[in-house]
Amino acid sequence: MLPSESIQPIVLVGGKSRRFGRDKLQEPLEGGLLVEKSIRALREVFGPCVALVGHCDPRIARLGDKVIPDLHAGRGPAGGILGALDFVSADGPIPWSVFVLPGDLPNIRSELIRAIVLKGTQVPGAAAVLARTSRGPEPCIGIYRQACKQTLTKAIPEGESRTRPLRDLLRLLVTETVHCTDNEALTANHPSDLARSPTRKRE
């Protein structure tokens, strides 16, 4: 935990799994479900305080330690992160940040989360501290601070149904990164992606 801020760990669970073809968060993995991989990794660092953000099956909602209301439902990851930052608020002597993970990371490890938190202690002025792969910064793996809220709001303009991709907004933020492998940041967009995970439960 950063001495200069408090961090609420969150898992984004509001996706529609359209490309996967079924609710991928409920896919079996390591004797549990895919979504539990992100939940467990965050608990190993922050303890039993992981919040889920987004509309999901009630069986998924029960796996988290609490649920943060999705104040911007249907507006993608940017809406989920912005809603979580609004929920934890910036009031009080210590500002709250969020550490975000998507619920579809079969290969995520707590070591990466710890490395990002450590980097955060070294760059308290960065609006976001994210994982970086060969593709560049991973917008759904890392810390977002209250300074991000104005930029995130640009992703979900009022009165418009279209949401700007979160990755496109990163250039507007002061962002620091921590290297990770492409495999660790792999998201399970298709069933074949889970076959690439060494922790895939064998049937």
N, C-alpha and C. Protein backbone atom coordinates (compact mmCIF):
# COMPACT_ATOMS: atom_id res chain seq x y z
N MET A 1 0.84 -1.19 0.00
CA MET A 1 0.00 0.00 0.00
C MET A 1 0.88 1.24 0.00
N LEU A 2 0.54 2.22 -0.84
CA LEU A 2 1.33 3.43 -0.89
C LEU A 2 1.14 4.25 0.38
N PRO A 3 2.23 4.77 0.96
CA PRO A 3 2.07 5.56 2.18
C PRO A 3 1.36 6.88 1.95
N SER A 4 1.36 7.40 0.71
CA SER A 4 0.78 8.70 0.43
C SER A 4 -0.63 8.63 -0.14
N GLU A 5 -1.17 7.45 -0.30
CA GLU A 5 -2.51 7.30 -0.85
C GLU A 5 -3.09 5.95 -0.47
N SER A 6 -4.39 5.83 -0.58
CA SER A 6 -5.07 4.56 -0.38
C SER A 6 -5.53 4.05 -1.74
N ILE A 7 -5.45 2.74 -1.92
CA ILE A 7 -5.79 2.15 -3.21
C ILE A 7 -6.92 1.16 -3.05
N GLN A 8 -7.98 1.34 -3.83
CA GLN A 8 -9.08 0.39 -3.88
C GLN A 8 -8.87 -0.53 -5.07
N PRO A 9 -8.62 -1.83 -4.85
CA PRO A 9 -8.50 -2.74 -5.99
C PRO A 9 -9.87 -3.07 -6.59
N ILE A 10 -9.96 -3.03 -7.91
CA ILE A 10 -11.22 -3.31 -8.59
C ILE A 10 -10.99 -4.27 -9.75
N VAL A 11 -12.02 -5.05 -10.05
CA VAL A 11 -12.02 -5.92 -11.23
C VAL A 11 -13.21 -5.51 -12.09
N LEU A 12 -12.95 -5.24 -13.35
CA LEU A 12 -14.01 -4.86 -14.28
C LEU A 12 -14.71 -6.12 -14.79
N VAL A 13 -16.01 -6.20 -14.60
CA VAL A 13 -16.76 -7.42 -14.94
C VAL A 13 -17.98 -7.13 -15.81
N GLY A 14 -18.02 -5.96 -16.43
CA GLY A 14 -19.22 -5.56 -17.16
C GLY A 14 -19.22 -5.86 -18.63
N GLY A 15 -18.21 -6.58 -19.14
CA GLY A 15 -18.16 -6.86 -20.57
C GLY A 15 -19.26 -7.81 -21.03
N LYS A 16 -19.51 -7.81 -22.33
CA LYS A 16 -20.58 -8.63 -22.91
C LYS A 16 -20.08 -9.97 -23.44
N SER A 17 -18.77 -10.18 -23.53
CA SER A 17 -18.20 -11.45 -24.02
C SER A 17 -18.71 -11.80 -25.42
N ARG A 18 -18.92 -10.80 -26.28
CA ARG A 18 -19.49 -11.08 -27.60
C ARG A 18 -18.55 -11.94 -28.44
N ARG A 19 -17.26 -11.61 -28.44
CA ARG A 19 -16.32 -12.38 -29.26
C ARG A 19 -16.11 -13.78 -28.70
N PHE A 20 -16.23 -13.93 -27.40
CA PHE A 20 -16.02 -15.23 -26.76
C PHE A 20 -17.19 -16.17 -27.03
N GLY A 21 -18.39 -15.62 -27.13
CA GLY A 21 -19.57 -16.43 -27.44
C GLY A 21 -20.36 -16.89 -26.25
N ARG A 22 -19.85 -16.69 -25.04
CA ARG A 22 -20.55 -17.03 -23.80
C ARG A 22 -19.88 -16.24 -22.69
N ASP A 23 -20.43 -16.32 -21.49
CA ASP A 23 -19.89 -15.53 -20.39
C ASP A 23 -18.50 -16.07 -20.01
N LYS A 24 -17.48 -15.40 -20.51
CA LYS A 24 -16.11 -15.91 -20.31
C LYS A 24 -15.66 -15.83 -18.85
N LEU A 25 -16.25 -14.94 -18.06
CA LEU A 25 -15.84 -14.84 -16.67
C LEU A 25 -16.12 -16.12 -15.91
N GLN A 26 -17.05 -16.94 -16.40
CA GLN A 26 -17.40 -18.19 -15.74
C GLN A 26 -16.67 -19.40 -16.33
N GLU A 27 -15.70 -19.16 -17.20
CA GLU A 27 -14.93 -20.27 -17.75
C GLU A 27 -14.06 -20.91 -16.67
N PRO A 28 -13.96 -22.25 -16.64
CA PRO A 28 -13.15 -22.93 -15.62
C PRO A 28 -11.67 -22.67 -15.82
N LEU A 29 -10.98 -22.40 -14.71
CA LEU A 29 -9.55 -22.15 -14.74
C LEU A 29 -8.99 -22.40 -13.34
N GLU A 30 -7.95 -23.20 -13.24
CA GLU A 30 -7.28 -23.48 -11.97
C GLU A 30 -8.25 -23.97 -10.89
N GLY A 31 -9.20 -24.77 -11.27
CA GLY A 31 -10.15 -25.28 -10.30
C GLY A 31 -11.20 -24.28 -9.88
N GLY A 32 -11.19 -23.10 -10.47
CA GLY A 32 -12.19 -22.08 -10.18
C GLY A 32 -12.72 -21.51 -11.48
N LEU A 33 -12.93 -20.20 -11.49
CA LEU A 33 -13.41 -19.51 -12.69
C LEU A 33 -12.37 -18.51 -13.15
N LEU A 34 -12.42 -18.16 -14.41
CA LEU A 34 -11.47 -17.21 -14.99
C LEU A 34 -11.40 -15.91 -14.19
N VAL A 35 -12.54 -15.34 -13.82
CA VAL A 35 -12.55 -14.07 -13.11
C VAL A 35 -11.84 -14.15 -11.77
N GLU A 36 -11.80 -15.34 -11.17
CA GLU A 36 -11.16 -15.48 -9.87
C GLU A 36 -9.65 -15.31 -9.94
N LYS A 37 -9.07 -15.45 -11.12
CA LYS A 37 -7.62 -15.25 -11.24
C LYS A 37 -7.26 -13.80 -10.92
N SER A 38 -7.99 -12.85 -11.44
CA SER A 38 -7.74 -11.44 -11.14
C SER A 38 -8.06 -11.11 -9.69
N ILE A 39 -9.16 -11.67 -9.19
CA ILE A 39 -9.55 -11.42 -7.80
C ILE A 39 -8.48 -11.92 -6.85
N ARG A 40 -8.00 -13.13 -7.07
CA ARG A 40 -6.98 -13.70 -6.18
C ARG A 40 -5.67 -12.93 -6.24
N ALA A 41 -5.27 -12.52 -7.44
CA ALA A 41 -4.02 -11.78 -7.58
C ALA A 41 -4.08 -10.46 -6.81
N LEU A 42 -5.20 -9.77 -6.87
CA LEU A 42 -5.35 -8.52 -6.13
C LEU A 42 -5.40 -8.77 -4.62
N ARG A 43 -6.07 -9.82 -4.20
CA ARG A 43 -6.14 -10.13 -2.76
C ARG A 43 -4.75 -10.43 -2.19
N GLU A 44 -3.90 -11.05 -2.98
CA GLU A 44 -2.56 -11.37 -2.51
C GLU A 44 -1.76 -10.11 -2.18
N VAL A 45 -2.13 -9.01 -2.79
CA VAL A 45 -1.42 -7.75 -2.57
C VAL A 45 -2.16 -6.85 -1.59
N PHE A 46 -3.47 -6.73 -1.75
CA PHE A 46 -4.25 -5.76 -0.98
C PHE A 46 -5.08 -6.38 0.14
N GLY A 47 -5.24 -7.68 0.14
CA GLY A 47 -6.10 -8.31 1.13
C GLY A 47 -7.53 -8.46 0.63
N PRO A 48 -8.45 -8.90 1.51
CA PRO A 48 -9.83 -9.19 1.11
C PRO A 48 -10.69 -7.93 1.00
N CYS A 49 -10.36 -7.08 0.04
CA CYS A 49 -11.11 -5.83 -0.15
C CYS A 49 -11.36 -5.55 -1.62
N VAL A 50 -11.38 -6.60 -2.43
CA VAL A 50 -11.50 -6.43 -3.88
C VAL A 50 -12.95 -6.15 -4.27
N ALA A 51 -13.16 -5.08 -5.04
CA ALA A 51 -14.49 -4.69 -5.49
C ALA A 51 -14.68 -5.06 -6.96
N LEU A 52 -15.89 -5.49 -7.31
CA LEU A 52 -16.25 -5.74 -8.69
C LEU A 52 -17.05 -4.55 -9.21
N VAL A 53 -16.79 -4.18 -10.47
CA VAL A 53 -17.46 -3.03 -11.08
C VAL A 53 -18.06 -3.49 -12.40
N GLY A 54 -19.35 -3.31 -12.57
CA GLY A 54 -20.02 -3.66 -13.81
C GLY A 54 -21.13 -4.67 -13.59
N HIS A 55 -22.09 -4.65 -14.49
CA HIS A 55 -23.20 -5.61 -14.41
C HIS A 55 -22.70 -6.99 -14.78
N CYS A 56 -23.01 -7.99 -13.94
CA CYS A 56 -22.54 -9.35 -14.20
C CYS A 56 -23.53 -10.34 -13.60
N ASP A 57 -23.32 -11.61 -13.89
CA ASP A 57 -24.13 -12.68 -13.32
C ASP A 57 -24.01 -12.64 -11.80
N PRO A 58 -25.10 -12.86 -11.07
CA PRO A 58 -25.02 -12.85 -9.61
C PRO A 58 -23.99 -13.81 -9.05
N ARG A 59 -23.74 -14.92 -9.74
CA ARG A 59 -22.73 -15.87 -9.27
C ARG A 59 -21.34 -15.26 -9.32
N ILE A 60 -21.12 -14.37 -10.27
CA ILE A 60 -19.83 -13.66 -10.35
C ILE A 60 -19.76 -12.60 -9.26
N ALA A 61 -20.84 -11.86 -9.08
CA ALA A 61 -20.86 -10.77 -8.08
C ALA A 61 -20.52 -11.28 -6.69
N ARG A 62 -20.92 -12.50 -6.37
CA ARG A 62 -20.67 -13.05 -5.04
C ARG A 62 -19.20 -13.40 -4.81
N LEU A 63 -18.41 -13.44 -5.85
CA LEU A 63 -17.01 -13.82 -5.70
C LEU A 63 -16.14 -12.67 -5.20
N GLY A 64 -16.59 -11.44 -5.37
CA GLY A 64 -15.84 -10.29 -4.88
C GLY A 64 -16.10 -10.04 -3.41
N ASP A 65 -15.33 -9.13 -2.84
CA ASP A 65 -15.53 -8.75 -1.44
C ASP A 65 -16.59 -7.66 -1.30
N LYS A 66 -16.81 -6.91 -2.38
CA LYS A 66 -17.87 -5.91 -2.42
C LYS A 66 -18.12 -5.54 -3.87
N VAL A 67 -19.17 -4.79 -4.10
CA VAL A 67 -19.54 -4.34 -5.44
C VAL A 67 -19.63 -2.83 -5.43
N ILE A 68 -19.00 -2.20 -6.42
CA ILE A 68 -19.11 -0.76 -6.62
C ILE A 68 -20.14 -0.52 -7.73
N PRO A 69 -21.15 0.30 -7.49
CA PRO A 69 -22.16 0.54 -8.51
C PRO A 69 -21.55 1.05 -9.81
N ASP A 70 -22.05 0.52 -10.92
CA ASP A 70 -21.58 0.96 -12.24
C ASP A 70 -22.34 2.22 -12.62
N LEU A 71 -21.73 3.37 -12.34
CA LEU A 71 -22.40 4.65 -12.56
C LEU A 71 -22.45 5.03 -14.03
N HIS A 72 -21.68 4.34 -14.86
CA HIS A 72 -21.65 4.64 -16.30
C HIS A 72 -21.80 3.33 -17.07
N ALA A 73 -22.86 2.60 -16.78
CA ALA A 73 -23.07 1.29 -17.39
C ALA A 73 -23.08 1.38 -18.91
N GLY A 74 -22.43 0.40 -19.52
CA GLY A 74 -22.40 0.34 -20.97
C GLY A 74 -21.40 1.26 -21.62
N ARG A 75 -20.56 1.94 -20.83
CA ARG A 75 -19.60 2.89 -21.39
C ARG A 75 -18.17 2.36 -21.34
N GLY A 76 -18.02 1.06 -21.24
CA GLY A 76 -16.71 0.45 -21.35
C GLY A 76 -15.83 0.62 -20.14
N PRO A 77 -14.55 0.22 -20.27
CA PRO A 77 -13.61 0.32 -19.13
C PRO A 77 -13.47 1.72 -18.58
N ALA A 78 -13.45 2.72 -19.46
CA ALA A 78 -13.31 4.09 -18.97
C ALA A 78 -14.45 4.46 -18.03
N GLY A 79 -15.66 4.05 -18.37
CA GLY A 79 -16.80 4.33 -17.50
C GLY A 79 -16.69 3.62 -16.16
N GLY A 80 -16.22 2.37 -16.19
CA GLY A 80 -16.06 1.62 -14.96
C GLY A 80 -15.02 2.23 -14.04
N ILE A 81 -13.89 2.63 -14.62
CA ILE A 81 -12.82 3.24 -13.82
C ILE A 81 -13.26 4.60 -13.28
N LEU A 82 -13.89 5.40 -14.12
CA LEU A 82 -14.35 6.71 -13.68
C LEU A 82 -15.37 6.56 -12.55
N GLY A 83 -16.32 5.63 -12.70
CA GLY A 83 -17.30 5.43 -11.66
C GLY A 83 -16.67 4.99 -10.35
N ALA A 84 -15.65 4.13 -10.43
CA ALA A 84 -14.96 3.69 -9.22
C ALA A 84 -14.23 4.84 -8.55
N LEU A 85 -13.58 5.69 -9.34
CA LEU A 85 -12.89 6.85 -8.76
C LEU A 85 -13.88 7.80 -8.11
N ASP A 86 -15.04 7.99 -8.74
CA ASP A 86 -16.07 8.82 -8.13
C ASP A 86 -16.56 8.20 -6.82
N PHE A 87 -16.69 6.88 -6.81
CA PHE A 87 -17.22 6.19 -5.63
C PHE A 87 -16.27 6.30 -4.45
N VAL A 88 -14.98 6.08 -4.68
CA VAL A 88 -14.04 6.16 -3.56
C VAL A 88 -13.75 7.60 -3.18
N SER A 89 -13.94 8.53 -4.12
CA SER A 89 -13.85 9.97 -3.88
C SER A 89 -12.46 10.43 -3.49
N ALA A 90 -12.27 11.74 -3.59
CA ALA A 90 -10.98 12.35 -3.24
C ALA A 90 -11.07 13.07 -1.91
N ASP A 91 -12.17 12.91 -1.19
CA ASP A 91 -12.33 13.62 0.08
C ASP A 91 -11.39 13.06 1.14
N GLY A 92 -11.07 13.88 2.11
CA GLY A 92 -10.25 13.43 3.22
C GLY A 92 -8.78 13.76 2.99
N PRO A 93 -7.96 13.54 4.01
CA PRO A 93 -6.55 13.91 3.91
C PRO A 93 -5.74 13.02 2.98
N ILE A 94 -6.20 11.79 2.73
CA ILE A 94 -5.49 10.86 1.86
C ILE A 94 -6.36 10.55 0.64
N PRO A 95 -5.92 10.93 -0.57
CA PRO A 95 -6.74 10.66 -1.76
C PRO A 95 -6.77 9.18 -2.10
N TRP A 96 -7.89 8.73 -2.64
CA TRP A 96 -8.04 7.34 -3.03
C TRP A 96 -7.77 7.16 -4.52
N SER A 97 -7.03 6.12 -4.84
CA SER A 97 -6.81 5.69 -6.21
C SER A 97 -7.49 4.34 -6.39
N VAL A 98 -7.50 3.82 -7.63
CA VAL A 98 -7.98 2.47 -7.87
C VAL A 98 -6.91 1.69 -8.61
N PHE A 99 -6.79 0.41 -8.27
CA PHE A 99 -5.95 -0.49 -9.05
C PHE A 99 -6.90 -1.38 -9.83
N VAL A 100 -6.86 -1.27 -11.14
CA VAL A 100 -7.84 -1.94 -11.99
C VAL A 100 -7.23 -3.14 -12.70
N LEU A 101 -8.01 -4.21 -12.76
CA LEU A 101 -7.73 -5.36 -13.61
C LEU A 101 -9.03 -5.75 -14.31
N PRO A 102 -8.95 -6.22 -15.55
CA PRO A 102 -10.13 -6.83 -16.16
C PRO A 102 -10.34 -8.22 -15.59
N GLY A 103 -11.51 -8.77 -15.78
CA GLY A 103 -11.82 -10.08 -15.23
C GLY A 103 -11.45 -11.23 -16.12
N ASP A 104 -10.70 -10.97 -17.21
CA ASP A 104 -10.42 -12.03 -18.19
C ASP A 104 -8.93 -12.22 -18.44
N LEU A 105 -8.14 -12.18 -17.34
CA LEU A 105 -6.68 -12.33 -17.45
C LEU A 105 -6.25 -13.71 -16.92
N PRO A 106 -6.09 -14.69 -17.78
CA PRO A 106 -5.77 -16.03 -17.28
C PRO A 106 -4.36 -16.17 -16.71
N ASN A 107 -3.45 -15.24 -17.06
CA ASN A 107 -2.06 -15.41 -16.66
C ASN A 107 -1.54 -14.31 -15.74
N ILE A 108 -2.42 -13.50 -15.17
CA ILE A 108 -1.99 -12.40 -14.32
C ILE A 108 -1.35 -12.94 -13.04
N ARG A 109 -0.31 -12.25 -12.55
CA ARG A 109 0.38 -12.66 -11.34
C ARG A 109 0.45 -11.49 -10.36
N SER A 110 0.45 -11.82 -9.08
CA SER A 110 0.53 -10.77 -8.06
C SER A 110 1.85 -10.03 -8.11
N GLU A 111 2.90 -10.67 -8.63
CA GLU A 111 4.20 -10.00 -8.72
C GLU A 111 4.13 -8.75 -9.59
N LEU A 112 3.37 -8.80 -10.67
CA LEU A 112 3.22 -7.63 -11.51
C LEU A 112 2.48 -6.52 -10.77
N ILE A 113 1.44 -6.89 -10.04
CA ILE A 113 0.69 -5.90 -9.27
C ILE A 113 1.60 -5.21 -8.27
N ARG A 114 2.42 -5.99 -7.56
CA ARG A 114 3.35 -5.41 -6.58
C ARG A 114 4.34 -4.48 -7.25
N ALA A 115 4.82 -4.85 -8.44
CA ALA A 115 5.77 -4.00 -9.15
C ALA A 115 5.15 -2.67 -9.56
N ILE A 116 3.89 -2.71 -9.95
CA ILE A 116 3.21 -1.47 -10.32
C ILE A 116 2.99 -0.58 -9.09
N VAL A 117 2.60 -1.21 -7.98
CA VAL A 117 2.41 -0.44 -6.73
C VAL A 117 3.74 0.19 -6.31
N LEU A 118 4.83 -0.56 -6.40
CA LEU A 118 6.14 -0.02 -6.05
C LEU A 118 6.50 1.15 -6.95
N LYS A 119 6.25 1.00 -8.24
CA LYS A 119 6.51 2.11 -9.17
C LYS A 119 5.69 3.33 -8.78
N GLY A 120 4.48 3.09 -8.32
CA GLY A 120 3.64 4.20 -7.90
C GLY A 120 4.24 5.00 -6.75
N THR A 121 4.95 4.33 -5.85
CA THR A 121 5.58 5.05 -4.74
C THR A 121 6.69 5.95 -5.25
N GLN A 122 7.27 5.60 -6.40
CA GLN A 122 8.40 6.34 -6.95
C GLN A 122 7.96 7.51 -7.83
N VAL A 123 6.70 7.47 -8.31
CA VAL A 123 6.21 8.51 -9.21
C VAL A 123 4.84 9.00 -8.72
N PRO A 124 4.80 9.64 -7.55
CA PRO A 124 3.50 10.07 -7.01
C PRO A 124 2.79 11.11 -7.87
N GLY A 125 3.51 11.74 -8.79
CA GLY A 125 2.88 12.74 -9.64
C GLY A 125 2.25 12.19 -10.90
N ALA A 126 2.43 10.91 -11.17
CA ALA A 126 1.85 10.31 -12.37
C ALA A 126 0.36 10.10 -12.17
N ALA A 127 -0.42 10.44 -13.19
CA ALA A 127 -1.87 10.24 -13.09
C ALA A 127 -2.24 8.77 -13.15
N ALA A 128 -1.43 7.99 -13.85
CA ALA A 128 -1.67 6.55 -13.97
C ALA A 128 -0.34 5.82 -14.01
N VAL A 129 -0.32 4.62 -13.46
CA VAL A 129 0.86 3.75 -13.51
C VAL A 129 0.38 2.41 -14.03
N LEU A 130 0.83 2.05 -15.24
CA LEU A 130 0.24 0.92 -15.96
C LEU A 130 1.29 -0.10 -16.37
N ALA A 131 0.84 -1.31 -16.63
CA ALA A 131 1.69 -2.33 -17.23
C ALA A 131 1.97 -1.96 -18.68
N ARG A 132 3.14 -2.36 -19.18
CA ARG A 132 3.49 -2.11 -20.57
C ARG A 132 3.97 -3.41 -21.22
N THR A 133 3.38 -3.75 -22.35
CA THR A 133 3.80 -4.90 -23.14
C THR A 133 4.40 -4.40 -24.45
N SER A 134 4.64 -5.32 -25.38
CA SER A 134 5.16 -4.92 -26.69
C SER A 134 4.16 -4.05 -27.46
N ARG A 135 2.89 -4.09 -27.04
CA ARG A 135 1.85 -3.28 -27.69
C ARG A 135 1.80 -1.86 -27.13
N GLY A 136 2.50 -1.63 -26.04
CA GLY A 136 2.44 -0.33 -25.38
C GLY A 136 1.75 -0.45 -24.03
N PRO A 137 1.37 0.66 -23.43
CA PRO A 137 0.69 0.62 -22.12
C PRO A 137 -0.61 -0.17 -22.19
N GLU A 138 -0.85 -0.98 -21.16
CA GLU A 138 -2.09 -1.74 -21.05
C GLU A 138 -3.08 -0.94 -20.21
N PRO A 139 -4.11 -0.35 -20.83
CA PRO A 139 -4.96 0.61 -20.12
C PRO A 139 -5.82 0.01 -19.02
N CYS A 140 -5.95 -1.31 -18.95
CA CYS A 140 -6.80 -1.91 -17.92
C CYS A 140 -6.00 -2.69 -16.88
N ILE A 141 -4.69 -2.44 -16.81
CA ILE A 141 -3.85 -3.09 -15.80
C ILE A 141 -3.02 -2.03 -15.11
N GLY A 142 -3.48 -1.56 -13.96
CA GLY A 142 -2.67 -0.60 -13.23
C GLY A 142 -3.45 0.37 -12.38
N ILE A 143 -2.74 1.37 -11.91
CA ILE A 143 -3.29 2.36 -10.97
C ILE A 143 -3.81 3.58 -11.73
N TYR A 144 -5.01 4.01 -11.38
CA TYR A 144 -5.55 5.29 -11.84
C TYR A 144 -5.80 6.17 -10.62
N ARG A 145 -5.33 7.39 -10.70
CA ARG A 145 -5.49 8.33 -9.60
C ARG A 145 -6.58 9.35 -9.93
N GLN A 146 -6.95 10.11 -8.91
CA GLN A 146 -8.04 11.07 -9.08
C GLN A 146 -7.75 12.08 -10.20
N ALA A 147 -6.48 12.33 -10.48
CA ALA A 147 -6.11 13.27 -11.55
C ALA A 147 -6.57 12.79 -12.93
N CYS A 148 -6.97 11.53 -13.05
CA CYS A 148 -7.41 10.97 -14.33
C CYS A 148 -8.86 11.32 -14.67
N LYS A 149 -9.62 11.77 -13.71
CA LYS A 149 -11.07 11.85 -13.90
C LYS A 149 -11.49 12.76 -15.06
N GLN A 150 -10.84 13.89 -15.21
CA GLN A 150 -11.22 14.80 -16.29
C GLN A 150 -10.99 14.15 -17.65
N THR A 151 -9.86 13.46 -17.80
CA THR A 151 -9.56 12.80 -19.06
C THR A 151 -10.51 11.64 -19.31
N LEU A 152 -10.80 10.85 -18.28
CA LEU A 152 -11.72 9.74 -18.45
C LEU A 152 -13.11 10.21 -18.85
N THR A 153 -13.51 11.36 -18.35
CA THR A 153 -14.83 11.90 -18.70
C THR A 153 -14.92 12.16 -20.20
N LYS A 154 -13.79 12.47 -20.84
CA LYS A 154 -13.79 12.72 -22.28
C LYS A 154 -14.11 11.46 -23.07
N ALA A 155 -13.93 10.30 -22.44
CA ALA A 155 -14.22 9.04 -23.12
C ALA A 155 -15.70 8.76 -23.20
N ILE A 156 -16.48 9.39 -22.34
CA ILE A 156 -17.92 9.10 -22.28
C ILE A 156 -18.70 10.42 -22.33
N PRO A 157 -18.59 11.16 -23.44
CA PRO A 157 -19.26 12.45 -23.51
C PRO A 157 -20.76 12.33 -23.29
N GLU A 158 -21.28 13.25 -22.50
CA GLU A 158 -22.71 13.24 -22.18
C GLU A 158 -23.54 13.44 -23.43
N GLY A 159 -24.58 12.65 -23.54
CA GLY A 159 -25.48 12.78 -24.69
C GLY A 159 -25.04 12.00 -25.91
N GLU A 160 -23.88 11.33 -25.84
CA GLU A 160 -23.41 10.52 -26.95
C GLU A 160 -23.33 9.06 -26.51
N SER A 161 -23.69 8.17 -27.41
CA SER A 161 -23.67 6.74 -27.07
C SER A 161 -22.30 6.13 -27.30
N ARG A 162 -21.50 6.75 -28.16
CA ARG A 162 -20.19 6.18 -28.48
C ARG A 162 -19.19 6.49 -27.37
N THR A 163 -18.38 5.50 -27.02
CA THR A 163 -17.34 5.65 -26.02
C THR A 163 -15.98 5.61 -26.69
N ARG A 164 -15.13 6.57 -26.39
CA ARG A 164 -13.78 6.57 -26.96
C ARG A 164 -12.96 5.47 -26.30
N PRO A 165 -12.14 4.75 -27.09
CA PRO A 165 -11.29 3.71 -26.50
C PRO A 165 -10.37 4.29 -25.44
N LEU A 166 -10.25 3.58 -24.34
CA LEU A 166 -9.42 4.06 -23.24
C LEU A 166 -7.97 4.21 -23.68
N ARG A 167 -7.50 3.32 -24.53
CA ARG A 167 -6.11 3.39 -24.98
C ARG A 167 -5.82 4.70 -25.69
N ASP A 168 -6.80 5.24 -26.41
CA ASP A 168 -6.60 6.49 -27.14
C ASP A 168 -6.42 7.68 -26.22
N LEU A 169 -6.87 7.56 -24.97
CA LEU A 169 -6.80 8.69 -24.04
C LEU A 169 -5.51 8.73 -23.24
N LEU A 170 -4.72 7.67 -23.30
CA LEU A 170 -3.53 7.61 -22.46
C LEU A 170 -2.53 8.71 -22.80
N ARG A 171 -2.52 9.13 -24.06
CA ARG A 171 -1.57 10.19 -24.44
C ARG A 171 -1.91 11.53 -23.76
N LEU A 172 -3.12 11.64 -23.22
CA LEU A 172 -3.52 12.86 -22.54
C LEU A 172 -3.17 12.84 -21.06
N LEU A 173 -2.65 11.70 -20.58
CA LEU A 173 -2.34 11.54 -19.16
C LEU A 173 -0.83 11.46 -18.94
N VAL A 174 -0.40 11.92 -17.77
CA VAL A 174 0.97 11.68 -17.34
C VAL A 174 1.02 10.25 -16.83
N THR A 175 1.62 9.36 -17.62
CA THR A 175 1.56 7.93 -17.34
C THR A 175 2.95 7.34 -17.20
N GLU A 176 3.14 6.53 -16.17
CA GLU A 176 4.35 5.73 -15.99
C GLU A 176 4.00 4.27 -16.23
N THR A 177 4.99 3.47 -16.62
CA THR A 177 4.70 2.08 -16.95
C THR A 177 5.71 1.13 -16.30
N VAL A 178 5.28 -0.12 -16.20
CA VAL A 178 6.11 -1.23 -15.70
C VAL A 178 6.04 -2.34 -16.75
N HIS A 179 7.18 -2.84 -17.16
CA HIS A 179 7.20 -3.87 -18.20
C HIS A 179 6.56 -5.17 -17.72
N CYS A 180 5.80 -5.79 -18.60
CA CYS A 180 5.35 -7.17 -18.38
C CYS A 180 5.29 -7.86 -19.73
N THR A 181 5.23 -9.17 -19.72
CA THR A 181 5.20 -9.92 -20.97
C THR A 181 3.82 -9.86 -21.61
N ASP A 182 3.79 -10.06 -22.91
CA ASP A 182 2.50 -10.10 -23.62
C ASP A 182 1.63 -11.21 -23.07
N ASN A 183 2.23 -12.33 -22.70
CA ASN A 183 1.45 -13.46 -22.20
C ASN A 183 0.79 -13.14 -20.86
N GLU A 184 1.48 -12.40 -20.00
CA GLU A 184 0.89 -12.09 -18.70
C GLU A 184 -0.30 -11.15 -18.84
N ALA A 185 -0.26 -10.29 -19.85
CA ALA A 185 -1.35 -9.35 -20.07
C ALA A 185 -2.39 -9.88 -21.06
N LEU A 186 -2.27 -11.15 -21.44
CA LEU A 186 -3.21 -11.75 -22.39
C LEU A 186 -4.63 -11.68 -21.86
N THR A 187 -5.55 -11.18 -22.67
CA THR A 187 -6.97 -11.21 -22.31
C THR A 187 -7.65 -12.31 -23.11
N ALA A 188 -8.58 -13.00 -22.48
CA ALA A 188 -9.26 -14.13 -23.11
C ALA A 188 -10.43 -13.62 -23.94
N ASN A 189 -10.14 -13.16 -25.16
CA ASN A 189 -11.19 -12.67 -26.03
C ASN A 189 -11.88 -13.79 -26.80
N HIS A 190 -11.20 -14.91 -26.94
CA HIS A 190 -11.74 -16.08 -27.64
C HIS A 190 -11.40 -17.33 -26.82
N PRO A 191 -12.19 -18.38 -26.94
CA PRO A 191 -11.87 -19.61 -26.21
C PRO A 191 -10.45 -20.10 -26.48
N SER A 192 -9.94 -19.89 -27.69
CA SER A 192 -8.59 -20.33 -28.02
C SER A 192 -7.54 -19.63 -27.17
N ASP A 193 -7.83 -18.43 -26.67
CA ASP A 193 -6.87 -17.73 -25.83
C ASP A 193 -6.63 -18.46 -24.51
N LEU A 194 -7.65 -19.13 -23.99
CA LEU A 194 -7.48 -19.89 -22.76
C LEU A 194 -6.60 -21.11 -22.97
N ALA A 195 -6.59 -21.63 -24.18
CA ALA A 195 -5.73 -22.77 -24.47
C ALA A 195 -4.26 -22.37 -24.38
N ARG A 196 -3.97 -21.07 -24.48
CA ARG A 196 -2.60 -20.58 -24.39
C ARG A 196 -2.17 -20.35 -22.95
N SER A 197 -3.09 -20.57 -22.01
CA SER A 197 -2.76 -20.37 -20.61
C SER A 197 -2.27 -21.67 -19.98
N PRO A 198 -1.10 -21.66 -19.33
CA PRO A 198 -0.60 -22.88 -18.69
C PRO A 198 -1.45 -23.33 -17.52
N THR A 199 -2.36 -22.45 -17.03
CA THR A 199 -3.17 -22.79 -15.87
C THR A 199 -4.58 -23.22 -16.26
N ARG A 200 -4.82 -23.40 -17.54
CA ARG A 200 -6.13 -23.84 -18.00
C ARG A 200 -6.51 -25.17 -17.36
N LYS A 201 -7.70 -25.23 -16.78
CA LYS A 201 -8.17 -26.48 -16.18
C LYS A 201 -8.38 -27.53 -17.27
N ARG A 202 -7.82 -28.69 -17.07
CA ARG A 202 -7.97 -29.77 -18.03
C ARG A 202 -9.25 -30.53 -17.76
N GLU A 203 -10.05 -30.72 -18.80
CA GLU A 203 -11.31 -31.45 -18.64
C GLU A 203 -11.04 -32.96 -18.75
